[in-house]
Amino acid sequence: MKEYQHYEEEIHELREEIEHFKTEKERVRKIVGSIGGMPTINTKLFNTVFLILVVALLFASFFTEGRTHLILSDLAIFFVSLKVMYLVHNEARVNHFKLWVLNSIEWRINEIAREIKELRKENAGRE
């Protein structure tokens, strides 16, 4: 009877862990979406406007001469440079999040390994 109660407790704990896992999975999914893991409508709109702006600047620079040509070309190059810096920054954020997730997984694996060692010691003591 005591063993049966022990199994019920384990099943209850496992169900709680599964629920915790599901809530954690949803939380991680929301975080990934918020840091740039999934493109939003605003991102797509910004990229479209940005592309049109750069193409328009380069196109206009072909039909101008002198300083205006240089200024328009330089502006297009400047905007592309800003976009590259933004992409590098965004990638750094995503990589930081990946590192955080991997560290969390490593910590949990080490915790589970420690629990397994303790259970093995308990079983060895019973035999």
N, C-alpha and C. Protein backbone atom coordinates (compact mmCIF):
# COMPACT_ATOMS: atom_id res chain seq x y z
N MET A 1 0.83 -1.20 0.00
CA MET A 1 0.00 0.00 0.00
C MET A 1 0.87 1.25 0.00
N LYS A 2 1.98 1.18 0.75
CA LYS A 2 2.87 2.33 0.83
C LYS A 2 3.53 2.62 -0.52
N GLU A 3 3.91 1.53 -1.23
CA GLU A 3 4.52 1.71 -2.54
C GLU A 3 3.53 2.32 -3.52
N TYR A 4 2.27 1.89 -3.43
CA TYR A 4 1.24 2.43 -4.31
C TYR A 4 1.09 3.93 -4.10
N GLN A 5 1.12 4.35 -2.85
CA GLN A 5 1.02 5.78 -2.53
C GLN A 5 2.24 6.52 -3.08
N HIS A 6 3.40 5.87 -2.98
CA HIS A 6 4.63 6.47 -3.49
C HIS A 6 4.53 6.70 -5.01
N TYR A 7 3.97 5.71 -5.72
CA TYR A 7 3.81 5.86 -7.16
C TYR A 7 2.82 6.97 -7.50
N GLU A 8 1.76 7.08 -6.74
CA GLU A 8 0.79 8.16 -6.97
C GLU A 8 1.45 9.52 -6.78
N GLU A 9 2.30 9.64 -5.78
CA GLU A 9 3.02 10.89 -5.55
C GLU A 9 3.94 11.21 -6.72
N GLU A 10 4.63 10.18 -7.22
CA GLU A 10 5.52 10.38 -8.37
C GLU A 10 4.74 10.81 -9.60
N ILE A 11 3.59 10.17 -9.83
CA ILE A 11 2.75 10.53 -10.98
C ILE A 11 2.28 11.97 -10.84
N HIS A 12 1.88 12.34 -9.64
CA HIS A 12 1.44 13.72 -9.41
C HIS A 12 2.58 14.71 -9.67
N GLU A 13 3.78 14.39 -9.21
CA GLU A 13 4.94 15.25 -9.44
C GLU A 13 5.26 15.35 -10.93
N LEU A 14 5.16 14.22 -11.63
CA LEU A 14 5.42 14.23 -13.07
C LEU A 14 4.40 15.09 -13.81
N ARG A 15 3.14 15.02 -13.41
CA ARG A 15 2.12 15.86 -14.04
C ARG A 15 2.40 17.33 -13.79
N GLU A 16 2.83 17.66 -12.58
CA GLU A 16 3.18 19.05 -12.28
C GLU A 16 4.35 19.51 -13.14
N GLU A 17 5.36 18.64 -13.30
CA GLU A 17 6.51 18.98 -14.13
C GLU A 17 6.10 19.17 -15.59
N ILE A 18 5.18 18.35 -16.08
CA ILE A 18 4.71 18.49 -17.46
C ILE A 18 3.99 19.82 -17.63
N GLU A 19 3.15 20.18 -16.69
CA GLU A 19 2.46 21.47 -16.75
C GLU A 19 3.46 22.63 -16.71
N HIS A 20 4.45 22.50 -15.84
CA HIS A 20 5.49 23.53 -15.76
C HIS A 20 6.24 23.63 -17.08
N PHE A 21 6.54 22.49 -17.69
CA PHE A 21 7.23 22.47 -18.97
C PHE A 21 6.39 23.16 -20.05
N LYS A 22 5.09 22.89 -20.07
CA LYS A 22 4.22 23.51 -21.08
C LYS A 22 4.18 25.02 -20.91
N THR A 23 4.06 25.50 -19.68
CA THR A 23 4.03 26.95 -19.47
C THR A 23 5.37 27.57 -19.83
N GLU A 24 6.45 26.88 -19.51
CA GLU A 24 7.79 27.38 -19.84
C GLU A 24 7.99 27.43 -21.35
N LYS A 25 7.49 26.41 -22.05
CA LYS A 25 7.60 26.37 -23.50
C LYS A 25 6.86 27.55 -24.14
N GLU A 26 5.68 27.85 -23.65
CA GLU A 26 4.92 28.99 -24.17
C GLU A 26 5.64 30.31 -23.88
N ARG A 27 6.22 30.41 -22.69
CA ARG A 27 6.94 31.62 -22.32
C ARG A 27 8.14 31.82 -23.24
N VAL A 28 8.88 30.76 -23.51
CA VAL A 28 10.05 30.84 -24.40
C VAL A 28 9.61 31.20 -25.81
N ARG A 29 8.50 30.63 -26.26
CA ARG A 29 7.99 30.93 -27.60
C ARG A 29 7.67 32.42 -27.73
N LYS A 30 7.07 33.00 -26.70
CA LYS A 30 6.76 34.43 -26.72
C LYS A 30 8.03 35.28 -26.72
N ILE A 31 9.03 34.84 -25.95
CA ILE A 31 10.29 35.59 -25.88
C ILE A 31 10.99 35.57 -27.23
N VAL A 32 11.04 34.40 -27.85
CA VAL A 32 11.70 34.28 -29.15
C VAL A 32 11.02 35.20 -30.17
N GLY A 33 9.71 35.26 -30.13
CA GLY A 33 8.99 36.15 -31.04
C GLY A 33 9.29 37.61 -30.76
N SER A 34 9.47 37.96 -29.49
CA SER A 34 9.69 39.37 -29.15
C SER A 34 11.10 39.85 -29.46
N ILE A 35 12.08 38.96 -29.53
CA ILE A 35 13.45 39.41 -29.78
C ILE A 35 13.83 39.35 -31.25
N GLY A 36 12.91 39.01 -32.10
CA GLY A 36 13.23 39.02 -33.53
C GLY A 36 13.29 37.64 -34.13
N GLY A 37 12.84 36.66 -33.42
CA GLY A 37 12.85 35.31 -33.96
C GLY A 37 11.88 35.12 -35.10
N MET A 38 10.79 35.90 -35.07
CA MET A 38 9.78 35.82 -36.12
C MET A 38 9.52 37.23 -36.65
N PRO A 39 9.54 37.42 -37.97
CA PRO A 39 9.30 38.77 -38.51
C PRO A 39 7.84 39.19 -38.29
N THR A 40 7.67 40.44 -37.92
CA THR A 40 6.34 40.98 -37.71
C THR A 40 5.95 41.83 -38.91
N ILE A 41 4.73 42.29 -38.91
CA ILE A 41 4.25 43.15 -40.00
C ILE A 41 5.06 44.45 -40.02
N ASN A 42 5.37 44.99 -38.83
CA ASN A 42 6.16 46.22 -38.76
C ASN A 42 7.55 46.02 -39.36
N THR A 43 8.15 44.87 -39.10
CA THR A 43 9.48 44.59 -39.65
C THR A 43 9.42 44.50 -41.17
N LYS A 44 8.43 43.82 -41.68
CA LYS A 44 8.30 43.70 -43.13
C LYS A 44 8.05 45.06 -43.77
N LEU A 45 7.21 45.87 -43.13
CA LEU A 45 6.92 47.22 -43.64
C LEU A 45 8.19 48.07 -43.63
N PHE A 46 8.93 48.02 -42.52
CA PHE A 46 10.18 48.78 -42.42
C PHE A 46 11.16 48.35 -43.50
N ASN A 47 11.32 47.05 -43.71
CA ASN A 47 12.25 46.56 -44.73
C ASN A 47 11.84 47.01 -46.13
N THR A 48 10.55 47.01 -46.41
CA THR A 48 10.06 47.45 -47.72
C THR A 48 10.33 48.94 -47.92
N VAL A 49 9.99 49.75 -46.92
CA VAL A 49 10.23 51.19 -47.02
C VAL A 49 11.72 51.47 -47.15
N PHE A 50 12.53 50.75 -46.39
CA PHE A 50 13.98 50.92 -46.44
C PHE A 50 14.51 50.61 -47.83
N LEU A 51 14.07 49.50 -48.40
CA LEU A 51 14.52 49.11 -49.73
C LEU A 51 14.12 50.16 -50.77
N ILE A 52 12.89 50.63 -50.69
CA ILE A 52 12.43 51.66 -51.63
C ILE A 52 13.26 52.93 -51.48
N LEU A 53 13.57 53.33 -50.24
CA LEU A 53 14.36 54.53 -49.99
C LEU A 53 15.76 54.41 -50.59
N VAL A 54 16.42 53.29 -50.35
CA VAL A 54 17.78 53.11 -50.86
C VAL A 54 17.79 53.07 -52.39
N VAL A 55 16.86 52.35 -52.97
CA VAL A 55 16.79 52.27 -54.43
C VAL A 55 16.49 53.65 -55.02
N ALA A 56 15.58 54.40 -54.38
CA ALA A 56 15.25 55.75 -54.87
C ALA A 56 16.46 56.67 -54.79
N LEU A 57 17.21 56.58 -53.69
CA LEU A 57 18.41 57.42 -53.56
C LEU A 57 19.44 57.08 -54.64
N LEU A 58 19.67 55.79 -54.84
CA LEU A 58 20.64 55.38 -55.87
C LEU A 58 20.14 55.75 -57.27
N PHE A 59 18.87 55.57 -57.53
CA PHE A 59 18.29 55.91 -58.83
C PHE A 59 18.40 57.42 -59.08
N ALA A 60 18.09 58.21 -58.05
CA ALA A 60 18.17 59.67 -58.20
C ALA A 60 19.62 60.12 -58.39
N SER A 61 20.55 59.40 -57.77
CA SER A 61 21.96 59.80 -57.91
C SER A 61 22.48 59.61 -59.34
N PHE A 62 21.87 58.70 -60.11
CA PHE A 62 22.28 58.48 -61.49
C PHE A 62 21.92 59.66 -62.39
N PHE A 63 20.89 60.41 -62.01
CA PHE A 63 20.42 61.51 -62.86
C PHE A 63 20.86 62.88 -62.37
N THR A 64 21.75 62.89 -61.41
CA THR A 64 22.27 64.17 -60.92
C THR A 64 23.77 64.21 -61.12
N GLU A 65 24.32 65.41 -61.00
CA GLU A 65 25.76 65.58 -61.20
C GLU A 65 26.34 66.34 -60.02
N GLY A 66 27.64 66.25 -59.91
CA GLY A 66 28.36 67.03 -58.91
C GLY A 66 28.10 66.57 -57.48
N ARG A 67 27.96 67.57 -56.62
CA ARG A 67 27.80 67.28 -55.19
C ARG A 67 26.52 66.51 -54.88
N THR A 68 25.45 66.82 -55.59
CA THR A 68 24.18 66.13 -55.34
C THR A 68 24.32 64.64 -55.60
N HIS A 69 25.02 64.27 -56.66
CA HIS A 69 25.26 62.86 -56.96
C HIS A 69 26.00 62.18 -55.80
N LEU A 70 27.05 62.84 -55.31
CA LEU A 70 27.83 62.27 -54.21
C LEU A 70 27.01 62.18 -52.93
N ILE A 71 26.22 63.21 -52.64
CA ILE A 71 25.42 63.22 -51.41
C ILE A 71 24.38 62.10 -51.45
N LEU A 72 23.69 61.94 -52.57
CA LEU A 72 22.67 60.89 -52.67
C LEU A 72 23.30 59.50 -52.57
N SER A 73 24.44 59.30 -53.23
CA SER A 73 25.13 58.01 -53.14
C SER A 73 25.60 57.74 -51.71
N ASP A 74 26.15 58.77 -51.07
CA ASP A 74 26.61 58.61 -49.69
C ASP A 74 25.45 58.33 -48.74
N LEU A 75 24.31 58.97 -48.96
CA LEU A 75 23.14 58.70 -48.12
C LEU A 75 22.68 57.25 -48.27
N ALA A 76 22.67 56.75 -49.49
CA ALA A 76 22.27 55.36 -49.72
C ALA A 76 23.24 54.41 -49.01
N ILE A 77 24.53 54.68 -49.13
CA ILE A 77 25.53 53.85 -48.45
C ILE A 77 25.39 53.95 -46.94
N PHE A 78 25.11 55.16 -46.44
CA PHE A 78 24.92 55.37 -45.01
C PHE A 78 23.73 54.56 -44.49
N PHE A 79 22.61 54.58 -45.22
CA PHE A 79 21.43 53.83 -44.79
C PHE A 79 21.69 52.32 -44.81
N VAL A 80 22.41 51.85 -45.80
CA VAL A 80 22.75 50.42 -45.85
C VAL A 80 23.66 50.07 -44.67
N SER A 81 24.59 50.95 -44.33
CA SER A 81 25.47 50.72 -43.18
C SER A 81 24.67 50.66 -41.88
N LEU A 82 23.70 51.56 -41.74
CA LEU A 82 22.84 51.53 -40.55
C LEU A 82 22.07 50.21 -40.46
N LYS A 83 21.59 49.75 -41.60
CA LYS A 83 20.84 48.48 -41.62
C LYS A 83 21.75 47.32 -41.22
N VAL A 84 22.98 47.31 -41.71
CA VAL A 84 23.92 46.25 -41.35
C VAL A 84 24.20 46.28 -39.85
N MET A 85 24.40 47.48 -39.29
CA MET A 85 24.63 47.59 -37.84
C MET A 85 23.43 47.10 -37.06
N TYR A 86 22.22 47.42 -37.52
CA TYR A 86 21.01 46.96 -36.86
C TYR A 86 20.93 45.43 -36.90
N LEU A 87 21.24 44.84 -38.06
CA LEU A 87 21.19 43.38 -38.18
C LEU A 87 22.21 42.71 -37.27
N VAL A 88 23.40 43.29 -37.16
CA VAL A 88 24.42 42.74 -36.26
C VAL A 88 23.94 42.82 -34.81
N HIS A 89 23.34 43.95 -34.45
CA HIS A 89 22.82 44.12 -33.09
C HIS A 89 21.71 43.11 -32.81
N ASN A 90 20.80 42.94 -33.75
CA ASN A 90 19.70 42.00 -33.58
C ASN A 90 20.22 40.57 -33.46
N GLU A 91 21.20 40.23 -34.27
CA GLU A 91 21.79 38.88 -34.21
C GLU A 91 22.48 38.65 -32.87
N ALA A 92 23.11 39.69 -32.33
CA ALA A 92 23.74 39.56 -31.01
C ALA A 92 22.69 39.29 -29.94
N ARG A 93 21.54 39.95 -30.04
CA ARG A 93 20.46 39.70 -29.08
C ARG A 93 19.97 38.26 -29.17
N VAL A 94 19.80 37.77 -30.39
CA VAL A 94 19.33 36.40 -30.58
C VAL A 94 20.37 35.42 -30.04
N ASN A 95 21.65 35.66 -30.33
CA ASN A 95 22.71 34.78 -29.83
C ASN A 95 22.79 34.79 -28.31
N HIS A 96 22.58 35.94 -27.70
CA HIS A 96 22.57 36.03 -26.24
C HIS A 96 21.43 35.18 -25.67
N PHE A 97 20.28 35.25 -26.30
CA PHE A 97 19.15 34.45 -25.85
C PHE A 97 19.44 32.97 -26.01
N LYS A 98 20.05 32.58 -27.13
CA LYS A 98 20.40 31.17 -27.34
C LYS A 98 21.37 30.69 -26.26
N LEU A 99 22.35 31.54 -25.92
CA LEU A 99 23.29 31.18 -24.87
C LEU A 99 22.57 31.01 -23.54
N TRP A 100 21.63 31.90 -23.24
CA TRP A 100 20.87 31.80 -22.01
C TRP A 100 20.08 30.49 -21.96
N VAL A 101 19.46 30.12 -23.08
CA VAL A 101 18.69 28.87 -23.14
C VAL A 101 19.62 27.68 -22.94
N LEU A 102 20.76 27.68 -23.62
CA LEU A 102 21.70 26.56 -23.48
C LEU A 102 22.23 26.45 -22.05
N ASN A 103 22.51 27.59 -21.41
CA ASN A 103 22.95 27.55 -20.02
C ASN A 103 21.87 27.00 -19.11
N SER A 104 20.62 27.36 -19.37
CA SER A 104 19.51 26.84 -18.57
C SER A 104 19.37 25.34 -18.75
N ILE A 105 19.52 24.88 -19.98
CA ILE A 105 19.44 23.44 -20.25
C ILE A 105 20.59 22.71 -19.55
N GLU A 106 21.79 23.26 -19.64
CA GLU A 106 22.94 22.64 -18.99
C GLU A 106 22.73 22.56 -17.48
N TRP A 107 22.23 23.63 -16.89
CA TRP A 107 21.98 23.64 -15.45
C TRP A 107 20.97 22.57 -15.07
N ARG A 108 19.91 22.45 -15.86
CA ARG A 108 18.87 21.46 -15.57
C ARG A 108 19.41 20.04 -15.75
N ILE A 109 20.22 19.80 -16.77
CA ILE A 109 20.81 18.48 -16.97
C ILE A 109 21.70 18.11 -15.79
N ASN A 110 22.51 19.06 -15.34
CA ASN A 110 23.37 18.79 -14.18
C ASN A 110 22.54 18.50 -12.94
N GLU A 111 21.43 19.20 -12.78
CA GLU A 111 20.55 18.96 -11.64
C GLU A 111 19.94 17.57 -11.71
N ILE A 112 19.51 17.16 -12.89
CA ILE A 112 18.93 15.83 -13.07
C ILE A 112 19.98 14.75 -12.85
N ALA A 113 21.20 14.98 -13.33
CA ALA A 113 22.29 14.01 -13.13
C ALA A 113 22.58 13.84 -11.64
N ARG A 114 22.56 14.94 -10.90
CA ARG A 114 22.78 14.87 -9.45
C ARG A 114 21.66 14.07 -8.78
N GLU A 115 20.42 14.29 -9.19
CA GLU A 115 19.30 13.55 -8.62
C GLU A 115 19.40 12.07 -8.93
N ILE A 116 19.85 11.73 -10.14
CA ILE A 116 20.01 10.32 -10.51
C ILE A 116 21.08 9.66 -9.64
N LYS A 117 22.18 10.37 -9.40
CA LYS A 117 23.23 9.82 -8.53
C LYS A 117 22.69 9.58 -7.13
N GLU A 118 21.90 10.51 -6.62
CA GLU A 118 21.32 10.34 -5.29
C GLU A 118 20.37 9.15 -5.25
N LEU A 119 19.57 8.97 -6.29
CA LEU A 119 18.65 7.82 -6.35
C LEU A 119 19.42 6.51 -6.43
N ARG A 120 20.52 6.49 -7.18
CA ARG A 120 21.33 5.28 -7.26
C ARG A 120 21.93 4.93 -5.90
N LYS A 121 22.38 5.95 -5.18
CA LYS A 121 22.92 5.71 -3.84
C LYS A 121 21.84 5.16 -2.92
N GLU A 122 20.62 5.70 -3.01
CA GLU A 122 19.52 5.20 -2.19
C GLU A 122 19.20 3.75 -2.53
N ASN A 123 19.16 3.43 -3.82
CA ASN A 123 18.88 2.05 -4.24
C ASN A 123 20.00 1.11 -3.82
N ALA A 124 21.24 1.57 -3.88
CA ALA A 124 22.36 0.73 -3.46
C ALA A 124 22.29 0.48 -1.96
N GLY A 125 21.83 1.46 -1.20
CA GLY A 125 21.70 1.31 0.24
C GLY A 125 20.58 0.36 0.62
N ARG A 126 19.54 0.24 -0.19
CA ARG A 126 18.41 -0.65 0.09
C ARG A 126 18.77 -2.11 -0.17
N GLU A 127 19.66 -2.32 -1.11
CA GLU A 127 20.01 -3.70 -1.49
C GLU A 127 20.96 -4.29 -0.55
